[in-house]
Protein backbone atom coordinates (compact mmCIF):
# COMPACT_ATOMS: atom_id res chain seq x y z
CA MET A 1 -0.60 -85.37 -61.77
CA THR A 2 3.16 -85.93 -61.69
CA ALA A 3 5.18 -83.75 -59.32
CA LEU A 4 8.84 -83.00 -60.02
CA PRO A 5 11.79 -82.65 -57.63
CA ARG A 6 12.05 -78.90 -57.13
CA ARG A 7 15.83 -78.55 -57.01
CA GLU A 8 16.34 -80.59 -60.17
CA ALA A 9 13.69 -78.56 -61.99
CA VAL A 10 15.27 -75.24 -60.98
CA ARG A 11 18.79 -76.48 -61.72
CA ARG A 12 17.72 -77.45 -65.24
CA LEU A 13 15.84 -74.20 -65.71
CA LEU A 14 18.91 -72.13 -64.84
CA ALA A 15 21.52 -74.22 -66.70
CA ASP A 16 23.59 -72.08 -69.09
CA ARG A 17 21.66 -69.02 -67.95
CA GLY A 18 24.02 -66.44 -69.44
CA GLU A 19 22.72 -62.89 -68.85
CA LEU A 20 19.34 -63.97 -67.47
CA VAL A 21 18.13 -61.69 -64.67
CA VAL A 22 16.38 -63.70 -61.93
CA THR A 23 14.23 -62.43 -59.11
CA THR A 24 12.70 -64.77 -56.58
CA GLY A 25 9.96 -64.80 -54.04
CA LEU A 26 10.77 -65.33 -50.41
CA GLY A 27 11.63 -68.68 -48.89
CA ALA A 28 11.98 -71.89 -50.86
CA SER A 29 12.11 -70.36 -54.34
CA ALA A 30 15.05 -68.19 -53.25
CA TYR A 31 16.75 -71.23 -51.71
CA ASP A 32 16.21 -73.23 -54.91
CA VAL A 33 17.81 -70.54 -57.08
CA ALA A 34 20.71 -70.15 -54.63
CA ALA A 35 21.27 -73.92 -54.67
CA ALA A 36 21.61 -73.73 -58.47
CA GLY A 37 24.43 -71.19 -58.04
CA ASP A 38 24.54 -67.60 -56.80
CA SER A 39 24.81 -64.86 -59.41
CA ALA A 40 25.08 -61.08 -59.27
CA LEU A 41 22.02 -61.10 -61.56
CA ASP A 42 19.93 -62.77 -58.84
CA PHE A 43 17.66 -60.56 -56.76
CA PRO A 44 15.91 -62.57 -54.03
CA LEU A 45 13.09 -60.92 -52.12
CA TRP A 46 13.36 -61.68 -48.45
CA GLY A 47 10.23 -60.16 -46.99
CA ALA A 48 8.02 -58.90 -49.81
CA MET A 49 5.57 -61.79 -50.11
CA GLY A 50 3.40 -61.36 -53.16
CA GLY A 51 5.77 -58.89 -54.82
CA ALA A 52 8.07 -61.06 -56.94
CA ALA A 53 6.07 -60.81 -60.19
CA MET A 54 5.81 -57.03 -59.89
CA VAL A 55 9.52 -56.65 -59.16
CA GLY A 56 10.13 -58.80 -62.22
CA LEU A 57 7.82 -56.57 -64.26
CA GLY A 58 9.77 -53.50 -63.15
CA LEU A 59 13.07 -55.14 -64.09
CA ALA A 60 11.67 -56.23 -67.47
CA ILE A 61 10.50 -52.70 -68.26
CA ALA A 62 13.80 -51.17 -67.10
CA GLN A 63 15.92 -53.76 -68.96
CA PRO A 64 13.94 -54.47 -72.17
CA THR A 65 16.84 -56.17 -73.95
CA ARG A 66 17.44 -58.76 -71.22
CA PRO A 67 15.30 -61.77 -70.39
CA VAL A 68 13.90 -61.48 -66.85
CA LEU A 69 12.80 -64.58 -64.97
CA VAL A 70 10.69 -64.58 -61.83
CA VAL A 71 10.88 -67.81 -59.81
CA THR A 72 8.21 -67.88 -57.12
CA GLY A 73 5.89 -70.23 -55.28
CA ASP A 74 2.17 -70.86 -55.51
CA GLY A 75 1.48 -69.29 -52.10
CA GLU A 76 3.25 -66.08 -53.04
CA MET A 77 1.63 -65.93 -56.47
CA LEU A 78 -1.79 -66.34 -54.89
CA MET A 79 -0.98 -63.37 -52.66
CA GLY A 80 0.02 -61.25 -55.67
CA LEU A 81 -2.64 -62.50 -58.08
CA GLY A 82 -3.44 -59.00 -59.33
CA SER A 83 0.02 -58.79 -60.88
CA PHE A 84 -1.17 -61.10 -63.67
CA ALA A 85 -3.67 -58.42 -64.73
CA THR A 86 -1.01 -55.71 -64.89
CA ILE A 87 1.41 -57.96 -66.78
CA GLY A 88 -1.41 -58.87 -69.18
CA VAL A 89 -1.95 -55.17 -69.91
CA GLU A 90 1.75 -54.25 -70.14
CA GLN A 91 2.81 -57.33 -72.20
CA PRO A 92 6.57 -57.10 -71.50
CA ALA A 93 8.16 -59.26 -74.18
CA ASN A 94 11.11 -60.23 -71.97
CA LEU A 95 9.28 -61.31 -68.79
CA ARG A 96 8.92 -64.96 -67.77
CA ILE A 97 7.25 -66.13 -64.56
CA VAL A 98 7.83 -69.63 -63.22
CA ILE A 99 5.65 -70.75 -60.33
CA LEU A 100 6.93 -73.69 -58.30
CA ASP A 101 3.59 -75.19 -57.27
CA ASN A 102 3.74 -77.70 -54.43
CA GLU A 103 0.20 -76.79 -53.34
CA ARG A 104 1.55 -75.72 -49.95
CA PHE A 105 2.46 -72.62 -47.94
CA GLY A 106 5.96 -73.91 -47.25
CA GLU A 107 7.15 -71.07 -45.05
CA THR A 108 4.28 -71.20 -42.56
CA GLY A 109 3.77 -74.91 -41.90
CA ASN A 110 2.92 -76.63 -45.21
CA GLN A 111 -0.79 -75.83 -45.11
CA LYS A 112 -2.54 -76.50 -48.42
CA THR A 113 -2.90 -73.58 -50.81
CA HIS A 114 -5.86 -73.04 -53.11
CA THR A 115 -3.95 -74.79 -55.91
CA ALA A 116 -4.50 -78.04 -54.00
CA GLY A 117 -8.16 -77.43 -54.86
CA PRO A 118 -9.74 -75.91 -57.94
CA THR A 119 -7.50 -72.86 -58.40
CA ASP A 120 -5.42 -73.04 -61.60
CA LEU A 121 -2.76 -70.33 -61.76
CA ALA A 122 -2.05 -70.97 -65.45
CA ALA A 123 -5.74 -70.43 -66.24
CA VAL A 124 -5.75 -67.20 -64.21
CA ALA A 125 -2.74 -65.90 -66.15
CA LEU A 126 -4.41 -66.81 -69.44
CA ALA A 127 -7.62 -65.05 -68.40
CA CYS A 128 -5.55 -61.92 -67.66
CA GLY A 129 -4.24 -61.77 -71.23
CA ILE A 130 -0.98 -63.69 -71.00
CA ALA A 131 -1.13 -65.98 -74.03
CA ASP A 132 1.87 -68.25 -73.39
CA VAL A 133 0.93 -70.24 -70.29
CA ARG A 134 1.72 -73.83 -69.47
CA THR A 135 1.62 -76.37 -66.69
CA ILE A 136 4.77 -78.49 -66.49
CA THR A 137 4.90 -82.00 -65.11
CA THR A 138 8.01 -83.53 -66.77
CA LEU A 139 11.69 -82.67 -66.78
CA ASP A 140 11.66 -82.69 -70.58
CA GLN A 141 9.11 -79.88 -70.41
CA VAL A 142 11.44 -78.00 -68.04
CA ASP A 143 14.23 -78.33 -70.62
CA GLN A 144 11.95 -76.88 -73.31
CA LEU A 145 10.94 -74.10 -70.93
CA ARG A 146 14.61 -73.23 -70.37
CA ASN A 147 14.99 -72.69 -74.10
CA ASP A 148 11.80 -70.63 -74.28
CA VAL A 149 12.87 -68.45 -71.35
CA HIS A 150 15.72 -67.18 -73.54
CA ARG A 151 13.84 -67.05 -76.86
CA ALA A 152 10.23 -66.09 -76.18
CA THR A 153 8.98 -62.81 -77.61
CA ALA A 154 6.02 -62.32 -75.26
CA PRO A 155 5.32 -62.79 -71.55
CA LEU A 156 5.36 -66.41 -70.45
CA VAL A 157 3.91 -68.05 -67.33
CA ALA A 158 4.80 -71.63 -66.42
CA VAL A 159 3.45 -73.53 -63.44
CA ILE A 160 5.83 -76.34 -62.52
CA LYS A 161 4.16 -78.97 -60.36
CA ILE A 162 6.71 -79.97 -57.71
CA VAL A 163 6.79 -82.37 -54.78
CA ALA A 164 5.69 -80.98 -51.42
CA GLU A 165 8.68 -82.22 -49.41
CA PRO A 166 11.00 -79.38 -48.36
CA GLU A 167 14.66 -79.27 -49.35
CA PRO A 168 17.55 -78.16 -47.13
CA ARG A 169 17.94 -74.41 -47.06
CA SER A 170 20.55 -72.93 -49.37
CA LEU A 171 20.54 -69.30 -48.34
CA PRO A 172 21.32 -66.50 -50.78
CA PRO A 173 22.73 -63.23 -49.43
CA ARG A 174 20.25 -61.49 -47.11
CA ASP A 175 21.53 -57.92 -46.94
CA GLY A 176 19.08 -55.72 -48.90
CA PRO A 177 21.46 -52.85 -49.77
CA PHE A 178 24.15 -55.33 -50.81
CA LEU A 179 21.72 -57.20 -53.08
CA ALA A 180 20.38 -53.99 -54.61
CA HIS A 181 23.87 -52.62 -55.32
CA ARG A 182 25.16 -55.94 -56.61
CA THR A 183 22.26 -56.32 -59.04
CA ARG A 184 22.47 -52.67 -60.18
CA ALA A 185 26.21 -53.07 -60.82
CA ALA A 186 25.61 -56.29 -62.78
CA LEU A 187 22.93 -54.60 -64.89
CA LEU A 188 24.44 -51.14 -65.36
CA GLY A 189 28.15 -51.59 -64.72
CA ALA A 190 29.88 -50.68 -61.48
CA ALA A 191 30.63 -47.04 -62.41
CA GLN A 192 27.08 -46.30 -63.52
CA ALA A 193 25.60 -47.98 -60.45
CA LEU A 194 27.69 -45.68 -58.21
CA GLU A 195 26.59 -42.54 -60.10
CA ASP A 196 22.86 -43.26 -59.80
C-alpha cells in the first residue's frame, strides 16, 4: 500500500480552510497542523491521548453550523476506539475525522500499532454506523477529501496512510488556558467568550 508524506497530506487538507475548526491529538498530528499554519480555530490536545475524536464531537455538537475536523494518529484513535460508537449513534453532520496512519506509536518509540497488522480503522468506523469512511493512499484523494470536509452532510472518517518517518517538530502553543480562550473567542467572539 502506498504511504504519503504526512506534512504534504496535512498541508493539502488544510489549504483554503476558511472557518474550519480543527482539533488534534497529541504529538505528531498537532505538529503537522501547526506546520500548515497556526490558527485561532486550532485546538491541539497536549496530554489527552485518546480524546481527540470526543473533543471534536463536542465541538461539532456545540457548533452545528461549522465544519469540525479532527486530525489524529492511529495510536491515539486505537486508544479512543469507543468514540466511533458514540459518533455513530450521534451522527453529527459537521464532524470529520482524519486519522494519519503510519502504523506506529510515534511518541513512544515508533513501536508498531495494531494497524500494522489486521486492524482496519475505517472498517471499525463503518461497523459503528459511520457510512462515509475511506482509506486514502494518493494525494489526489487528499484533495478530494479536502473538498468533502467542507461539503459533507454526514460524519466522515478518512484514514490517510502516511510514511513512518518522523518530521521535525513544529510546536503549536502549549498553554491550555490560552488555547481554550483563543478558540472560544474565535468561535463566539471576544466579548461573548469573556462573558461565559
